Amino acid sequence: MPLELVSFKHISRILEVTDSLGLNREWVEIPLSPESPGVVRRLPNGKLEIIVDADQPFEDWLGSLPKHIQLVQGA
């Protein structure tokens, strides 16, 4: 079942991941509308935008999030 809205619970889980990677929450943007495919990208203002994948199960997507963040950061 496709995800239609990123809830506060989803955002909290994503922020747990970004916190564990040492990212400042002020530099992370999480839109409330998921997309297919989801994406992690650096915005022109330097912030990290994390768009949840609408079609992939959230837990699976969340498990791959650290890898996607590290790729964007060039780690």
C-alpha atoms as a PDB file:
ATOM      1  CA  MET A   1       0.000   0.000   0.000  1.00  0.00           C
ATOM      2  CA  PRO A   2       1.564   3.315  -1.073  1.00  0.00           C
ATOM      3  CA  LEU A   3       2.410   5.846   1.607  1.00  0.00           C
ATOM      4  CA  GLU A   4       0.260   8.959   1.174  1.00  0.00           C
ATOM      5  CA  LEU A   5       1.561  11.221   3.950  1.00  0.00           C
ATOM      6  CA  VAL A   6       4.744  11.399   5.994  1.00  0.00           C
ATOM      7  CA  SER A   7       3.530  11.432   9.602  1.00  0.00           C
ATOM      8  CA  PHE A   8       5.181  12.866  12.709  1.00  0.00           C
ATOM      9  CA  LYS A   9       6.095   9.292  13.658  1.00  0.00           C
ATOM     10  CA  HIS A  10       7.878   8.829  10.302  1.00  0.00           C
ATOM     11  CA  ILE A  11       9.705  12.138  10.737  1.00  0.00           C
ATOM     12  CA  SER A  12      10.794  11.171  14.237  1.00  0.00           C
ATOM     13  CA  ARG A  13      12.249   7.903  12.940  1.00  0.00           C
ATOM     14  CA  ILE A  14      14.082   9.718  10.124  1.00  0.00           C
ATOM     15  CA  LEU A  15      15.495  12.238  12.593  1.00  0.00           C
ATOM     16  CA  GLU A  16      16.766   9.380  14.774  1.00  0.00           C
ATOM     17  CA  VAL A  17      18.794   8.245  11.754  1.00  0.00           C
ATOM     18  CA  THR A  18      20.103  11.723  10.946  1.00  0.00           C
ATOM     19  CA  ASP A  19      20.941  12.307  14.633  1.00  0.00           C
ATOM     20  CA  SER A  20      22.925   9.064  14.722  1.00  0.00           C
ATOM     21  CA  LEU A  21      24.928  10.355  11.733  1.00  0.00           C
ATOM     22  CA  GLY A  22      25.678  13.619  13.541  1.00  0.00           C
ATOM     23  CA  LEU A  23      23.571  15.822  11.278  1.00  0.00           C
ATOM     24  CA  ASN A  24      22.151  19.070  12.625  1.00  0.00           C
ATOM     25  CA  ARG A  25      18.345  18.984  12.445  1.00  0.00           C
ATOM     26  CA  GLU A  26      18.327  22.595  11.225  1.00  0.00           C
ATOM     27  CA  TRP A  27      20.019  21.374   8.025  1.00  0.00           C
ATOM     28  CA  VAL A  28      17.531  18.595   7.235  1.00  0.00           C
ATOM     29  CA  GLU A  29      14.283  19.082   5.323  1.00  0.00           C
ATOM     30  CA  ILE A  30      11.657  16.321   5.174  1.00  0.00           C
ATOM     31  CA  PRO A  31       8.655  17.105   2.929  1.00  0.00           C
ATOM     32  CA  LEU A  32       5.308  15.737   4.108  1.00  0.00           C
ATOM     33  CA  SER A  33       4.493  14.350   0.657  1.00  0.00           C
ATOM     34  CA  PRO A  34       6.278  11.133  -0.280  1.00  0.00           C
ATOM     35  CA  GLU A  35       7.304  10.560  -3.901  1.00  0.00           C
ATOM     36  CA  SER A  36       8.158   7.629  -6.088  1.00  0.00           C
ATOM     37  CA  PRO A  37      11.014   7.176  -6.128  1.00  0.00           C
ATOM     38  CA  GLY A  38      12.120   8.743  -2.863  1.00  0.00           C
ATOM     39  CA  VAL A  39      15.320  10.744  -2.932  1.00  0.00           C
ATOM     40  CA  VAL A  40      18.037  12.198  -0.729  1.00  0.00           C
ATOM     41  CA  ARG A  41      19.699  15.265  -2.204  1.00  0.00           C
ATOM     42  CA  ARG A  42      21.608  18.390  -1.309  1.00  0.00           C
ATOM     43  CA  LEU A  43      19.614  21.573  -1.913  1.00  0.00           C
ATOM     44  CA  PRO A  44      21.189  24.764  -3.319  1.00  0.00           C
ATOM     45  CA  ASN A  45      21.061  26.298   0.186  1.00  0.00           C
ATOM     46  CA  GLY A  46      23.211  23.413   1.496  1.00  0.00           C
ATOM     47  CA  LYS A  47      20.428  21.646   3.383  1.00  0.00           C
ATOM     48  CA  LEU A  48      19.800  17.936   2.993  1.00  0.00           C
ATOM     49  CA  GLU A  49      16.361  17.108   1.583  1.00  0.00           C
ATOM     50  CA  ILE A  50      15.021  13.659   2.425  1.00  0.00           C
ATOM     51  CA  ILE A  51      11.931  12.644   0.437  1.00  0.00           C
ATOM     52  CA  VAL A  52      10.346   9.410   1.634  1.00  0.00           C
ATOM     53  CA  ASP A  53       9.673   6.779  -1.023  1.00  0.00           C
ATOM     54  CA  ALA A  54       5.909   6.403  -1.507  1.00  0.00           C
ATOM     55  CA  ASP A  55       5.990   2.832  -2.827  1.00  0.00           C
ATOM     56  CA  GLN A  56       8.694   1.091  -0.809  1.00  0.00           C
ATOM     57  CA  PRO A  57       7.749  -0.164   2.680  1.00  0.00           C
ATOM     58  CA  PHE A  58       8.830   2.542   5.134  1.00  0.00           C
ATOM     59  CA  GLU A  59      10.961   0.241   7.308  1.00  0.00           C
ATOM     60  CA  ASP A  60      12.873  -1.027   4.252  1.00  0.00           C
ATOM     61  CA  TRP A  61      13.397   2.515   2.994  1.00  0.00           C
ATOM     62  CA  LEU A  62      14.483   3.707   6.445  1.00  0.00           C
ATOM     63  CA  GLY A  63      17.059   0.905   6.648  1.00  0.00           C
ATOM     64  CA  SER A  64      18.691   2.142   3.438  1.00  0.00           C
ATOM     65  CA  LEU A  65      18.590   5.822   4.444  1.00  0.00           C
ATOM     66  CA  PRO A  66      22.058   6.024   6.068  1.00  0.00           C
ATOM     67  CA  LYS A  67      23.657   4.710   2.870  1.00  0.00           C
ATOM     68  CA  HIS A  68      21.816   7.283   0.744  1.00  0.00           C
ATOM     69  CA  ILE A  69      22.789  10.126   3.094  1.00  0.00           C
ATOM     70  CA  GLN A  70      26.437   9.053   3.025  1.00  0.00           C
ATOM     71  CA  LEU A  71      26.404   8.926  -0.791  1.00  0.00           C
ATOM     72  CA  VAL A  72      25.070  12.489  -0.982  1.00  0.00           C
ATOM     73  CA  GLN A  73      27.685  13.657   1.513  1.00  0.00           C
ATOM     74  CA  GLY A  74      30.438  11.992  -0.490  1.00  0.00           C
ATOM     75  CA  ALA A  75      31.457   9.710   2.366  1.00  0.00           C
END
